[in-house]
């Protein structure tokens, strides 16, 4: 029995909301998936956001960030520790590979990323172009508009 549901009946009467269905489907997939590594999504100014990923044990070279078609993907790969002659008696710091995906809203851009004290900070900013901003339309006399 499938627990997935189709948004098709709701989307028949809308235009331009085809990504809406994708958002629900990806949320359903992530709900059933792993929550490793833990992360926060923070808003710290009107148009500034930050994603903080707990990347304990990872170095800069172990992590990769990519933005494609409004999806930010954070990938962490396990390092090859064969050069170290270490035998773990207990290994509580997980360094397994992971992949996190975040769908970015319109006009959100990744500005910077840094790894500090085991936390990967990804700084995002909303840059709305002038043509997409709300414009105030003055109301004038109807005579002047008709005569133009």
N, C-alpha and C. Protein backbone atom coordinates (compact mmCIF):
# COMPACT_ATOMS: atom_id res chain seq x y z
N UNK A 1 0.84 -1.18 0.00
CA UNK A 1 0.00 0.00 0.00
C UNK A 1 0.88 1.24 0.00
N UNK A 2 0.63 2.14 -0.88
CA UNK A 2 1.43 3.36 -1.00
C UNK A 2 0.84 4.46 -0.12
N UNK A 3 1.71 5.17 0.58
CA UNK A 3 1.24 6.29 1.41
C UNK A 3 1.34 7.61 0.66
N UNK A 4 1.88 7.59 -0.55
CA UNK A 4 2.00 8.81 -1.35
C UNK A 4 0.63 9.23 -1.85
N UNK A 5 0.44 10.51 -1.97
CA UNK A 5 -0.82 11.01 -2.51
C UNK A 5 -0.51 11.98 -3.64
N UNK A 6 -1.43 12.11 -4.54
CA UNK A 6 -1.22 12.94 -5.72
C UNK A 6 -1.88 14.31 -5.52
N UNK A 7 -1.14 15.33 -5.90
CA UNK A 7 -1.66 16.70 -5.82
C UNK A 7 -2.32 17.11 -7.14
N UNK A 8 -2.41 16.21 -8.10
CA UNK A 8 -2.91 16.54 -9.43
C UNK A 8 -4.29 17.20 -9.41
N UNK A 9 -5.25 16.72 -8.63
CA UNK A 9 -6.56 17.39 -8.65
C UNK A 9 -6.48 18.87 -8.21
N UNK A 10 -5.61 19.17 -7.28
CA UNK A 10 -5.48 20.55 -6.84
C UNK A 10 -4.76 21.41 -7.86
N UNK A 11 -3.85 20.82 -8.62
CA UNK A 11 -3.04 21.57 -9.56
C UNK A 11 -3.73 21.81 -10.89
N UNK A 12 -4.85 21.13 -11.15
CA UNK A 12 -5.57 21.31 -12.42
C UNK A 12 -6.08 22.73 -12.58
N UNK A 13 -6.39 23.38 -11.48
CA UNK A 13 -6.99 24.71 -11.55
C UNK A 13 -6.00 25.80 -11.21
N UNK A 14 -4.71 25.51 -11.32
CA UNK A 14 -3.70 26.51 -11.02
C UNK A 14 -2.70 26.58 -12.16
N UNK A 15 -2.06 27.71 -12.27
CA UNK A 15 -1.07 27.92 -13.31
C UNK A 15 0.22 28.34 -12.64
N UNK A 16 1.31 27.67 -12.95
CA UNK A 16 2.61 28.07 -12.43
C UNK A 16 2.96 27.49 -11.08
N UNK A 17 2.16 26.56 -10.58
CA UNK A 17 2.44 25.98 -9.28
C UNK A 17 2.88 24.52 -9.40
N UNK A 18 3.49 24.15 -10.54
CA UNK A 18 3.89 22.76 -10.71
C UNK A 18 5.01 22.38 -9.75
N UNK A 19 5.81 23.35 -9.29
CA UNK A 19 6.87 23.05 -8.32
C UNK A 19 6.29 22.76 -6.94
N UNK A 20 5.06 23.19 -6.70
CA UNK A 20 4.40 22.98 -5.43
C UNK A 20 4.30 21.49 -5.11
N UNK A 21 3.94 20.70 -6.12
CA UNK A 21 3.83 19.26 -5.96
C UNK A 21 5.20 18.66 -5.62
N UNK A 22 6.25 19.15 -6.27
CA UNK A 22 7.60 18.65 -6.00
C UNK A 22 8.01 18.91 -4.56
N UNK A 23 7.61 20.06 -4.01
CA UNK A 23 7.94 20.39 -2.62
C UNK A 23 7.33 19.38 -1.66
N UNK A 24 6.06 19.03 -1.89
CA UNK A 24 5.39 18.06 -1.02
C UNK A 24 6.04 16.68 -1.14
N UNK A 25 6.35 16.28 -2.36
CA UNK A 25 6.96 14.97 -2.56
C UNK A 25 8.33 14.88 -1.91
N UNK A 26 9.14 15.94 -2.03
CA UNK A 26 10.47 15.90 -1.41
C UNK A 26 10.36 15.94 0.11
N UNK A 27 9.37 16.64 0.63
CA UNK A 27 9.16 16.67 2.08
C UNK A 27 8.77 15.28 2.59
N UNK A 28 7.95 14.58 1.83
CA UNK A 28 7.54 13.23 2.23
C UNK A 28 8.75 12.28 2.20
N UNK A 29 9.61 12.42 1.19
CA UNK A 29 10.79 11.56 1.10
C UNK A 29 11.75 11.84 2.25
N UNK A 30 11.97 13.12 2.58
CA UNK A 30 12.89 13.48 3.65
C UNK A 30 12.37 13.05 5.01
N UNK A 31 11.05 13.01 5.17
CA UNK A 31 10.45 12.61 6.44
C UNK A 31 10.82 11.17 6.77
N UNK A 32 10.87 10.33 5.73
CA UNK A 32 11.17 8.92 5.94
C UNK A 32 12.67 8.66 5.96
N UNK A 33 13.46 9.62 5.49
CA UNK A 33 14.90 9.43 5.37
C UNK A 33 15.64 9.68 6.67
N UNK A 34 16.95 9.66 6.56
CA UNK A 34 17.82 9.85 7.70
C UNK A 34 17.87 11.32 8.10
N UNK A 35 18.12 11.57 9.37
CA UNK A 35 18.26 12.94 9.84
C UNK A 35 19.73 13.27 10.11
N UNK A 36 20.63 12.53 9.48
CA UNK A 36 22.06 12.75 9.66
C UNK A 36 22.59 13.56 8.49
N UNK A 37 23.39 14.53 8.74
CA UNK A 37 23.74 15.13 10.02
C UNK A 37 22.69 16.15 10.43
N UNK A 38 22.61 16.46 11.71
CA UNK A 38 21.64 17.46 12.14
C UNK A 38 22.00 18.84 11.58
N UNK A 39 21.00 19.67 11.39
CA UNK A 39 21.24 21.02 10.86
C UNK A 39 20.17 21.98 11.37
N UNK A 40 20.49 23.26 11.30
CA UNK A 40 19.56 24.34 11.63
C UNK A 40 19.38 25.22 10.41
N UNK A 41 18.19 25.78 10.25
CA UNK A 41 17.94 26.82 9.25
C UNK A 41 17.55 28.05 10.04
N UNK A 42 18.34 29.13 9.89
CA UNK A 42 18.17 30.31 10.72
C UNK A 42 17.90 31.54 9.86
N UNK A 43 17.08 32.44 10.38
CA UNK A 43 16.88 33.74 9.76
C UNK A 43 17.42 34.76 10.75
N UNK A 44 18.44 35.53 10.34
CA UNK A 44 19.03 36.45 11.30
C UNK A 44 18.94 37.91 10.86
N UNK A 45 18.28 38.18 9.76
CA UNK A 45 17.95 39.54 9.32
C UNK A 45 16.80 39.42 8.34
N UNK A 46 16.27 40.54 7.89
CA UNK A 46 15.11 40.49 7.00
C UNK A 46 15.34 39.63 5.76
N UNK A 47 16.49 39.79 5.12
CA UNK A 47 16.76 39.05 3.89
C UNK A 47 18.01 38.19 4.00
N UNK A 48 18.39 37.80 5.22
CA UNK A 48 19.59 37.00 5.40
C UNK A 48 19.27 35.73 6.19
N UNK A 49 19.78 34.62 5.68
CA UNK A 49 19.51 33.32 6.26
C UNK A 49 20.83 32.57 6.41
N UNK A 50 20.79 31.53 7.24
CA UNK A 50 21.98 30.70 7.42
C UNK A 50 21.53 29.26 7.65
N UNK A 51 22.21 28.35 7.00
CA UNK A 51 22.03 26.93 7.25
C UNK A 51 23.29 26.48 7.98
N UNK A 52 23.11 25.86 9.15
CA UNK A 52 24.24 25.39 9.94
C UNK A 52 24.14 23.87 10.01
N UNK A 53 25.16 23.20 9.47
CA UNK A 53 25.19 21.74 9.43
C UNK A 53 26.26 21.25 10.40
N UNK A 54 25.89 20.32 11.28
CA UNK A 54 26.86 19.74 12.21
C UNK A 54 27.72 18.76 11.43
N UNK A 55 28.95 19.18 11.16
CA UNK A 55 29.86 18.36 10.35
C UNK A 55 31.10 18.00 11.17
N UNK A 56 30.87 17.45 12.35
CA UNK A 56 31.98 17.08 13.23
C UNK A 56 32.85 16.02 12.56
N UNK A 57 34.15 16.24 12.61
CA UNK A 57 35.10 15.28 12.05
C UNK A 57 35.39 15.48 10.58
N UNK A 58 34.66 16.39 9.91
CA UNK A 58 34.89 16.65 8.50
C UNK A 58 35.79 17.87 8.34
N UNK A 59 36.57 17.87 7.26
CA UNK A 59 37.41 19.01 6.91
C UNK A 59 36.85 19.66 5.65
N UNK A 60 37.39 20.84 5.30
CA UNK A 60 36.92 21.56 4.12
C UNK A 60 36.90 20.68 2.87
N UNK A 61 37.95 19.90 2.69
CA UNK A 61 38.08 19.07 1.49
C UNK A 61 37.08 17.91 1.47
N UNK A 62 36.48 17.59 2.60
CA UNK A 62 35.53 16.48 2.69
C UNK A 62 34.11 16.90 2.30
N UNK A 63 33.88 18.20 2.21
CA UNK A 63 32.54 18.72 1.98
C UNK A 63 32.44 19.39 0.61
N UNK A 64 31.26 19.30 0.01
CA UNK A 64 31.03 19.93 -1.29
C UNK A 64 29.65 20.58 -1.29
N UNK A 65 29.58 21.80 -1.78
CA UNK A 65 28.32 22.52 -1.92
C UNK A 65 28.09 22.78 -3.40
N UNK A 66 26.82 22.60 -3.82
CA UNK A 66 26.48 22.83 -5.22
C UNK A 66 25.06 23.36 -5.29
N UNK A 67 24.85 24.36 -6.17
CA UNK A 67 23.51 24.89 -6.41
C UNK A 67 23.17 24.62 -7.86
N UNK A 68 22.05 23.94 -8.06
CA UNK A 68 21.58 23.65 -9.41
C UNK A 68 20.07 23.69 -9.42
N UNK A 69 19.52 24.54 -10.29
CA UNK A 69 18.07 24.67 -10.46
C UNK A 69 17.38 24.94 -9.13
N UNK A 70 17.87 25.91 -8.39
CA UNK A 70 17.29 26.34 -7.11
C UNK A 70 17.32 25.27 -6.03
N UNK A 71 18.23 24.31 -6.14
CA UNK A 71 18.41 23.30 -5.10
C UNK A 71 19.86 23.35 -4.64
N UNK A 72 20.04 23.61 -3.34
CA UNK A 72 21.36 23.59 -2.73
C UNK A 72 21.61 22.18 -2.21
N UNK A 73 22.71 21.58 -2.63
CA UNK A 73 23.06 20.24 -2.20
C UNK A 73 24.37 20.28 -1.43
N UNK A 74 24.34 19.73 -0.22
CA UNK A 74 25.54 19.65 0.63
C UNK A 74 25.90 18.17 0.71
N UNK A 75 27.13 17.84 0.30
CA UNK A 75 27.58 16.47 0.29
C UNK A 75 28.83 16.34 1.15
N UNK A 76 28.85 15.32 1.97
CA UNK A 76 30.03 15.04 2.79
C UNK A 76 30.50 13.63 2.51
N UNK A 77 31.79 13.50 2.23
CA UNK A 77 32.34 12.19 1.92
C UNK A 77 33.30 11.75 3.01
N UNK A 78 33.32 10.47 3.25
CA UNK A 78 34.19 9.91 4.27
C UNK A 78 35.63 9.92 3.78
N UNK A 79 36.51 10.40 4.62
CA UNK A 79 37.93 10.44 4.28
C UNK A 79 38.53 9.05 4.36
N UNK A 80 39.59 8.87 3.61
CA UNK A 80 40.34 7.61 3.66
C UNK A 80 41.35 7.71 4.80
N UNK A 81 41.10 7.00 5.87
CA UNK A 81 41.98 7.04 7.04
C UNK A 81 43.00 5.91 7.04
N UNK A 82 43.26 5.34 5.88
CA UNK A 82 44.18 4.21 5.83
C UNK A 82 45.61 4.62 6.15
N UNK A 83 45.92 5.93 6.03
CA UNK A 83 47.28 6.39 6.34
C UNK A 83 47.52 6.44 7.84
N UNK A 84 46.44 6.55 8.61
CA UNK A 84 46.58 6.58 10.06
C UNK A 84 46.55 5.17 10.62
N UNK A 85 47.41 4.90 11.56
CA UNK A 85 47.44 3.59 12.19
C UNK A 85 46.70 3.68 13.52
N UNK A 86 45.36 3.78 13.42
CA UNK A 86 44.52 3.99 14.60
C UNK A 86 43.52 2.84 14.71
N UNK A 87 43.40 2.31 15.90
CA UNK A 87 42.36 1.32 16.19
C UNK A 87 41.38 1.97 17.15
N UNK A 88 40.12 2.10 16.72
CA UNK A 88 39.11 2.73 17.56
C UNK A 88 38.59 1.72 18.58
N UNK A 89 38.65 2.08 19.84
CA UNK A 89 38.02 1.27 20.87
C UNK A 89 36.54 1.60 20.95
N UNK A 90 36.22 2.85 20.67
CA UNK A 90 34.84 3.31 20.55
C UNK A 90 34.84 4.50 19.61
N UNK A 91 33.98 4.49 18.60
CA UNK A 91 33.91 5.60 17.65
C UNK A 91 32.51 6.18 17.69
N UNK A 92 32.35 7.27 18.43
CA UNK A 92 31.05 7.92 18.58
C UNK A 92 30.83 9.07 17.62
N UNK A 93 31.90 9.56 16.99
CA UNK A 93 31.78 10.65 16.03
C UNK A 93 31.58 10.03 14.65
N UNK A 94 30.37 10.17 14.14
CA UNK A 94 30.05 9.59 12.84
C UNK A 94 30.71 10.41 11.74
N UNK A 95 31.37 9.74 10.85
CA UNK A 95 31.97 10.40 9.69
C UNK A 95 31.49 9.73 8.42
N UNK A 96 30.26 9.25 8.44
CA UNK A 96 29.75 8.57 7.26
C UNK A 96 29.33 9.61 6.21
N UNK A 97 29.25 9.15 5.00
CA UNK A 97 28.88 10.02 3.90
C UNK A 97 27.43 10.47 4.06
N UNK A 98 27.14 11.68 3.58
CA UNK A 98 25.78 12.20 3.65
C UNK A 98 25.52 13.11 2.47
N UNK A 99 24.23 13.35 2.24
CA UNK A 99 23.80 14.28 1.19
C UNK A 99 22.53 14.96 1.67
N UNK A 100 22.58 16.28 1.80
CA UNK A 100 21.42 17.07 2.19
C UNK A 100 21.03 17.96 1.03
N UNK A 101 19.74 18.10 0.79
CA UNK A 101 19.26 18.99 -0.27
C UNK A 101 18.28 19.99 0.31
N UNK A 102 18.42 21.23 -0.12
CA UNK A 102 17.54 22.31 0.32
C UNK A 102 17.02 23.03 -0.91
N UNK A 103 15.71 23.12 -1.05
CA UNK A 103 15.13 23.87 -2.16
C UNK A 103 15.12 25.34 -1.77
N UNK A 104 15.76 26.16 -2.60
CA UNK A 104 15.86 27.58 -2.33
C UNK A 104 14.69 28.32 -2.96
N UNK A 105 14.16 29.28 -2.25
CA UNK A 105 13.07 30.11 -2.77
C UNK A 105 13.61 31.02 -3.86
N UNK A 106 12.72 31.65 -4.59
CA UNK A 106 13.13 32.57 -5.63
C UNK A 106 13.99 33.69 -5.05
N UNK A 107 15.02 34.05 -5.78
CA UNK A 107 15.92 35.17 -5.47
C UNK A 107 16.81 34.92 -4.25
N UNK A 108 16.93 33.67 -3.79
CA UNK A 108 17.85 33.34 -2.70
C UNK A 108 19.17 32.89 -3.32
N UNK A 109 20.27 33.50 -2.87
CA UNK A 109 21.59 33.17 -3.38
C UNK A 109 22.50 32.76 -2.23
N UNK A 110 23.39 31.82 -2.52
CA UNK A 110 24.40 31.42 -1.54
C UNK A 110 25.53 32.43 -1.64
N UNK A 111 25.84 33.09 -0.54
CA UNK A 111 26.88 34.11 -0.52
C UNK A 111 28.22 33.57 -0.06
N UNK A 112 28.24 32.70 0.93
CA UNK A 112 29.50 32.19 1.46
C UNK A 112 29.23 30.93 2.26
N UNK A 113 30.30 30.19 2.50
CA UNK A 113 30.23 29.00 3.36
C UNK A 113 31.57 28.87 4.06
N UNK A 114 31.51 28.51 5.34
CA UNK A 114 32.75 28.29 6.08
C UNK A 114 32.53 27.21 7.12
N UNK A 115 33.61 26.53 7.46
CA UNK A 115 33.59 25.45 8.44
C UNK A 115 34.35 25.93 9.67
N UNK A 116 33.62 26.08 10.79
CA UNK A 116 34.21 26.58 12.02
C UNK A 116 33.76 25.69 13.17
N UNK A 117 34.73 25.14 13.91
CA UNK A 117 34.46 24.31 15.08
C UNK A 117 33.48 23.17 14.79
N UNK A 118 33.62 22.54 13.64
CA UNK A 118 32.77 21.41 13.29
C UNK A 118 31.39 21.77 12.79
N UNK A 119 31.14 23.06 12.56
CA UNK A 119 29.85 23.51 12.04
C UNK A 119 30.06 24.15 10.68
N UNK A 120 29.35 23.64 9.67
CA UNK A 120 29.39 24.21 8.34
C UNK A 120 28.32 25.30 8.28
N UNK A 121 28.74 26.55 8.12
CA UNK A 121 27.83 27.69 8.04
C UNK A 121 27.68 28.09 6.58
N UNK A 122 26.45 28.05 6.08
CA UNK A 122 26.15 28.43 4.70
C UNK A 122 25.31 29.70 4.78
N UNK A 123 25.85 30.80 4.28
CA UNK A 123 25.17 32.09 4.35
C UNK A 123 24.39 32.34 3.07
N UNK A 124 23.11 32.66 3.24
CA UNK A 124 22.20 32.90 2.12
C UNK A 124 21.64 34.31 2.23
N UNK A 125 21.35 34.90 1.08
CA UNK A 125 20.75 36.23 1.08
C UNK A 125 19.69 36.29 -0.01
N UNK A 126 18.62 37.02 0.29
CA UNK A 126 17.55 37.22 -0.71
C UNK A 126 17.84 38.53 -1.42
N UNK A 127 18.07 38.44 -2.73
CA UNK A 127 18.31 39.62 -3.55
C UNK A 127 17.17 39.70 -4.57
N UNK A 128 16.24 40.61 -4.32
CA UNK A 128 15.07 40.75 -5.19
C UNK A 128 15.39 41.84 -6.22
N UNK A 129 15.36 41.50 -7.51
CA UNK A 129 15.63 42.51 -8.52
C UNK A 129 14.53 43.57 -8.56
N UNK A 130 14.88 44.75 -9.05
CA UNK A 130 13.94 45.88 -9.07
C UNK A 130 12.63 45.53 -9.78
N UNK A 131 12.72 44.78 -10.89
CA UNK A 131 11.51 44.47 -11.64
C UNK A 131 10.58 43.52 -10.90
N UNK A 132 11.08 42.83 -9.87
CA UNK A 132 10.25 41.90 -9.10
C UNK A 132 9.69 42.53 -7.83
N UNK A 133 10.17 43.73 -7.49
CA UNK A 133 9.69 44.39 -6.28
C UNK A 133 8.32 45.01 -6.52
N UNK A 134 7.56 45.15 -5.44
CA UNK A 134 6.23 45.76 -5.53
C UNK A 134 6.38 47.23 -5.92
N UNK A 135 5.49 47.68 -6.78
CA UNK A 135 5.51 49.07 -7.22
C UNK A 135 4.19 49.73 -6.84
N UNK A 136 4.28 50.93 -6.38
CA UNK A 136 3.09 51.69 -6.04
C UNK A 136 2.62 52.42 -7.29
N UNK A 137 1.38 52.22 -7.66
CA UNK A 137 0.80 52.83 -8.85
C UNK A 137 -0.05 54.02 -8.40
N UNK A 138 0.33 55.21 -8.82
CA UNK A 138 -0.46 56.40 -8.41
C UNK A 138 -1.81 56.39 -9.13
N UNK A 139 -2.81 56.85 -8.41
CA UNK A 139 -4.17 56.94 -8.98
C UNK A 139 -4.36 58.37 -9.41
N UNK A 140 -4.61 58.55 -10.70
CA UNK A 140 -4.79 59.90 -11.24
C UNK A 140 -6.19 60.06 -11.80
N UNK A 141 -6.45 61.21 -12.32
CA UNK A 141 -7.75 61.48 -12.92
C UNK A 141 -7.91 60.63 -14.17
N UNK A 142 -9.08 60.08 -14.38
CA UNK A 142 -9.31 59.19 -15.50
C UNK A 142 -9.25 59.94 -16.83
N UNK A 143 -9.49 61.27 -16.81
CA UNK A 143 -9.45 62.05 -18.04
C UNK A 143 -8.05 62.06 -18.65
N UNK A 144 -7.02 62.22 -17.81
CA UNK A 144 -5.66 62.30 -18.33
C UNK A 144 -5.19 60.96 -18.90
N UNK A 145 -5.66 59.86 -18.36
CA UNK A 145 -5.27 58.55 -18.86
C UNK A 145 -5.94 58.27 -20.21
N UNK A 146 -7.20 58.65 -20.33
CA UNK A 146 -7.92 58.40 -21.57
C UNK A 146 -7.43 59.28 -22.71
N UNK A 147 -6.98 60.49 -22.42
CA UNK A 147 -6.52 61.40 -23.46
C UNK A 147 -5.10 61.08 -23.92
N UNK A 148 -4.37 60.24 -23.22
CA UNK A 148 -2.99 59.96 -23.58
C UNK A 148 -2.86 59.01 -24.71
